N, C-alpha and C. Protein backbone atom coordinates (compact mmCIF):
# COMPACT_ATOMS: atom_id res chain seq x y z
N MET A 1 -8.05 -16.87 25.57
CA MET A 1 -9.41 -16.49 25.20
C MET A 1 -9.53 -16.53 23.67
N ALA A 2 -10.56 -17.16 23.17
CA ALA A 2 -10.74 -17.31 21.72
C ALA A 2 -11.20 -16.01 21.10
N GLU A 3 -10.76 -15.80 19.87
CA GLU A 3 -11.20 -14.63 19.12
C GLU A 3 -12.67 -14.79 18.75
N PRO A 4 -13.47 -13.74 18.86
CA PRO A 4 -14.86 -13.85 18.42
C PRO A 4 -14.90 -14.04 16.91
N THR A 5 -15.90 -14.77 16.46
CA THR A 5 -16.03 -15.01 15.03
C THR A 5 -16.37 -13.71 14.29
N THR A 6 -15.83 -13.58 13.10
CA THR A 6 -16.17 -12.43 12.26
C THR A 6 -17.29 -12.79 11.31
N ASP A 7 -17.81 -14.00 11.45
CA ASP A 7 -18.88 -14.49 10.59
C ASP A 7 -20.17 -14.54 11.41
N PRO A 8 -21.01 -13.50 11.32
CA PRO A 8 -22.22 -13.47 12.12
C PRO A 8 -23.18 -14.60 11.80
N ALA A 9 -23.17 -15.10 10.58
CA ALA A 9 -24.07 -16.19 10.22
C ALA A 9 -23.62 -17.49 10.87
N ALA A 10 -22.32 -17.64 11.11
CA ALA A 10 -21.81 -18.88 11.68
C ALA A 10 -22.25 -19.08 13.12
N THR A 11 -22.63 -18.02 13.80
CA THR A 11 -23.05 -18.17 15.18
C THR A 11 -24.39 -18.87 15.29
N THR A 12 -25.20 -18.81 14.24
CA THR A 12 -26.49 -19.47 14.28
C THR A 12 -26.56 -20.67 13.35
N ASP A 13 -25.73 -20.72 12.33
CA ASP A 13 -25.74 -21.82 11.38
C ASP A 13 -24.35 -21.99 10.79
N PRO A 14 -23.62 -23.02 11.24
CA PRO A 14 -22.25 -23.18 10.76
C PRO A 14 -22.15 -23.46 9.27
N GLU A 15 -23.25 -23.84 8.64
CA GLU A 15 -23.23 -24.10 7.20
C GLU A 15 -23.87 -22.97 6.40
N ALA A 16 -24.06 -21.83 7.02
CA ALA A 16 -24.66 -20.69 6.33
C ALA A 16 -23.72 -20.22 5.21
N PRO A 17 -24.28 -19.79 4.10
CA PRO A 17 -23.44 -19.32 3.00
C PRO A 17 -22.81 -17.97 3.31
N SER A 18 -21.79 -17.63 2.55
CA SER A 18 -21.19 -16.29 2.67
C SER A 18 -22.24 -15.26 2.23
N TYR A 19 -21.97 -14.01 2.55
CA TYR A 19 -22.88 -12.94 2.14
C TYR A 19 -23.06 -12.96 0.63
N GLU A 20 -21.94 -13.07 -0.08
CA GLU A 20 -21.99 -13.01 -1.54
C GLU A 20 -22.79 -14.17 -2.13
N ALA A 21 -22.59 -15.36 -1.58
CA ALA A 21 -23.33 -16.53 -2.08
C ALA A 21 -24.82 -16.40 -1.77
N ALA A 22 -25.14 -15.94 -0.55
CA ALA A 22 -26.55 -15.78 -0.18
C ALA A 22 -27.21 -14.72 -1.05
N ARG A 23 -26.52 -13.63 -1.30
CA ARG A 23 -27.08 -12.55 -2.12
C ARG A 23 -27.30 -13.02 -3.55
N GLU A 24 -26.34 -13.75 -4.08
CA GLU A 24 -26.46 -14.26 -5.45
C GLU A 24 -27.65 -15.20 -5.58
N GLU A 25 -27.80 -16.10 -4.61
CA GLU A 25 -28.94 -17.02 -4.65
C GLU A 25 -30.25 -16.27 -4.47
N LEU A 26 -30.25 -15.26 -3.60
CA LEU A 26 -31.46 -14.46 -3.39
C LEU A 26 -31.87 -13.74 -4.67
N VAL A 27 -30.91 -13.20 -5.39
CA VAL A 27 -31.21 -12.55 -6.67
C VAL A 27 -31.86 -13.55 -7.62
N ASP A 28 -31.34 -14.78 -7.64
CA ASP A 28 -31.90 -15.82 -8.51
C ASP A 28 -33.32 -16.17 -8.08
N VAL A 29 -33.56 -16.28 -6.78
CA VAL A 29 -34.90 -16.59 -6.28
C VAL A 29 -35.88 -15.51 -6.70
N VAL A 30 -35.50 -14.25 -6.53
CA VAL A 30 -36.38 -13.14 -6.91
C VAL A 30 -36.66 -13.16 -8.41
N ARG A 31 -35.62 -13.42 -9.20
CA ARG A 31 -35.80 -13.49 -10.66
C ARG A 31 -36.80 -14.58 -11.02
N ARG A 32 -36.67 -15.74 -10.39
CA ARG A 32 -37.57 -16.86 -10.68
C ARG A 32 -39.01 -16.54 -10.25
N LEU A 33 -39.17 -15.88 -9.11
CA LEU A 33 -40.51 -15.50 -8.66
C LEU A 33 -41.13 -14.48 -9.61
N GLU A 34 -40.33 -13.50 -10.03
CA GLU A 34 -40.84 -12.46 -10.93
C GLU A 34 -41.19 -13.02 -12.31
N ALA A 35 -40.48 -14.06 -12.73
CA ALA A 35 -40.74 -14.65 -14.05
C ALA A 35 -42.08 -15.37 -14.08
N GLY A 36 -42.52 -15.84 -12.92
CA GLY A 36 -43.79 -16.56 -12.87
C GLY A 36 -43.65 -17.94 -13.48
N GLY A 37 -44.79 -18.57 -13.70
CA GLY A 37 -44.80 -19.89 -14.32
C GLY A 37 -44.60 -21.03 -13.35
N SER A 38 -44.39 -20.73 -12.07
CA SER A 38 -44.22 -21.79 -11.07
C SER A 38 -45.57 -22.13 -10.47
N THR A 39 -45.65 -23.34 -9.95
CA THR A 39 -46.86 -23.72 -9.23
C THR A 39 -46.90 -22.95 -7.91
N LEU A 40 -48.04 -22.99 -7.28
CA LEU A 40 -48.17 -22.33 -5.98
C LEU A 40 -47.18 -22.91 -4.98
N GLU A 41 -47.05 -24.23 -4.95
CA GLU A 41 -46.11 -24.88 -4.02
C GLU A 41 -44.67 -24.46 -4.30
N GLU A 42 -44.30 -24.42 -5.58
CA GLU A 42 -42.95 -24.00 -5.95
C GLU A 42 -42.72 -22.55 -5.56
N SER A 43 -43.70 -21.70 -5.80
CA SER A 43 -43.58 -20.29 -5.44
C SER A 43 -43.44 -20.11 -3.94
N LEU A 44 -44.22 -20.86 -3.16
CA LEU A 44 -44.10 -20.77 -1.71
C LEU A 44 -42.73 -21.23 -1.23
N ALA A 45 -42.22 -22.31 -1.82
CA ALA A 45 -40.89 -22.80 -1.45
C ALA A 45 -39.82 -21.77 -1.80
N LEU A 46 -39.95 -21.15 -2.96
CA LEU A 46 -39.01 -20.10 -3.35
C LEU A 46 -39.09 -18.92 -2.39
N TRP A 47 -40.30 -18.53 -2.04
CA TRP A 47 -40.49 -17.40 -1.11
C TRP A 47 -39.82 -17.71 0.24
N GLU A 48 -40.06 -18.92 0.75
CA GLU A 48 -39.46 -19.31 2.03
C GLU A 48 -37.94 -19.30 1.95
N ARG A 49 -37.39 -19.80 0.85
CA ARG A 49 -35.94 -19.79 0.68
C ARG A 49 -35.44 -18.35 0.60
N GLY A 50 -36.16 -17.51 -0.09
CA GLY A 50 -35.78 -16.10 -0.18
C GLY A 50 -35.76 -15.44 1.19
N GLU A 51 -36.73 -15.76 2.03
CA GLU A 51 -36.76 -15.22 3.39
C GLU A 51 -35.54 -15.67 4.19
N GLN A 52 -35.17 -16.95 4.05
CA GLN A 52 -33.98 -17.46 4.74
C GLN A 52 -32.73 -16.72 4.26
N LEU A 53 -32.61 -16.58 2.96
CA LEU A 53 -31.44 -15.92 2.39
C LEU A 53 -31.38 -14.45 2.79
N ALA A 54 -32.53 -13.78 2.80
CA ALA A 54 -32.56 -12.38 3.22
C ALA A 54 -32.11 -12.26 4.68
N GLY A 55 -32.53 -13.20 5.52
CA GLY A 55 -32.10 -13.20 6.91
C GLY A 55 -30.60 -13.39 7.05
N THR A 56 -30.05 -14.29 6.25
CA THR A 56 -28.60 -14.52 6.26
C THR A 56 -27.87 -13.25 5.85
N CYS A 57 -28.33 -12.62 4.78
CA CYS A 57 -27.70 -11.37 4.33
C CYS A 57 -27.80 -10.30 5.41
N GLN A 58 -28.95 -10.20 6.06
CA GLN A 58 -29.12 -9.18 7.10
C GLN A 58 -28.18 -9.43 8.28
N ARG A 59 -28.00 -10.70 8.66
CA ARG A 59 -27.07 -11.01 9.75
C ARG A 59 -25.65 -10.61 9.37
N TRP A 60 -25.26 -10.87 8.13
CA TRP A 60 -23.93 -10.45 7.67
C TRP A 60 -23.79 -8.93 7.75
N LEU A 61 -24.81 -8.22 7.27
CA LEU A 61 -24.75 -6.75 7.29
C LEU A 61 -24.74 -6.20 8.71
N ASP A 62 -25.55 -6.81 9.59
CA ASP A 62 -25.57 -6.39 10.99
C ASP A 62 -24.21 -6.62 11.64
N GLY A 63 -23.59 -7.75 11.32
CA GLY A 63 -22.27 -8.04 11.86
C GLY A 63 -21.22 -7.06 11.36
N ALA A 64 -21.30 -6.72 10.08
CA ALA A 64 -20.37 -5.74 9.52
C ALA A 64 -20.56 -4.38 10.18
N ARG A 65 -21.81 -3.99 10.40
CA ARG A 65 -22.11 -2.71 11.05
C ARG A 65 -21.56 -2.70 12.48
N ALA A 66 -21.73 -3.81 13.19
CA ALA A 66 -21.24 -3.90 14.56
C ALA A 66 -19.71 -3.77 14.60
N ARG A 67 -19.05 -4.41 13.65
CA ARG A 67 -17.58 -4.30 13.59
C ARG A 67 -17.15 -2.88 13.30
N LEU A 68 -17.84 -2.21 12.38
CA LEU A 68 -17.51 -0.83 12.08
C LEU A 68 -17.75 0.07 13.29
N ASP A 69 -18.86 -0.16 13.96
CA ASP A 69 -19.17 0.65 15.14
C ASP A 69 -18.11 0.47 16.23
N GLU A 70 -17.62 -0.77 16.41
CA GLU A 70 -16.57 -1.02 17.39
C GLU A 70 -15.31 -0.22 17.06
N VAL A 71 -14.94 -0.23 15.78
CA VAL A 71 -13.74 0.50 15.37
C VAL A 71 -13.93 2.00 15.57
N LEU A 72 -15.11 2.49 15.18
CA LEU A 72 -15.37 3.92 15.32
C LEU A 72 -15.42 4.33 16.80
N ASP A 73 -15.99 3.48 17.64
CA ASP A 73 -16.06 3.77 19.07
C ASP A 73 -14.66 3.77 19.69
N ALA A 74 -13.80 2.87 19.22
CA ALA A 74 -12.43 2.78 19.74
C ALA A 74 -11.63 4.02 19.36
N ASP A 75 -11.98 4.66 18.24
CA ASP A 75 -11.28 5.86 17.80
C ASP A 75 -11.65 7.09 18.61
N ASP A 76 -12.78 7.04 19.30
CA ASP A 76 -13.25 8.21 20.07
C ASP A 76 -12.51 8.39 21.36
């Protein structure tokens, strides 16, 4: 029986970035949006990318929480 993946993002996208890479890019996207000066189209594209990155980060965090819960449940 194969070990379950510890990478929650890999279950939906095998090319998904690591949590750290997604978070770093998300920070850059937010900085660029806050700075302004982009066209509406550029801003919308940045927003959409930010939503994707936020989803990736959330999947990583959800996976980490599930792993912690499994360990804590096993200790009971």
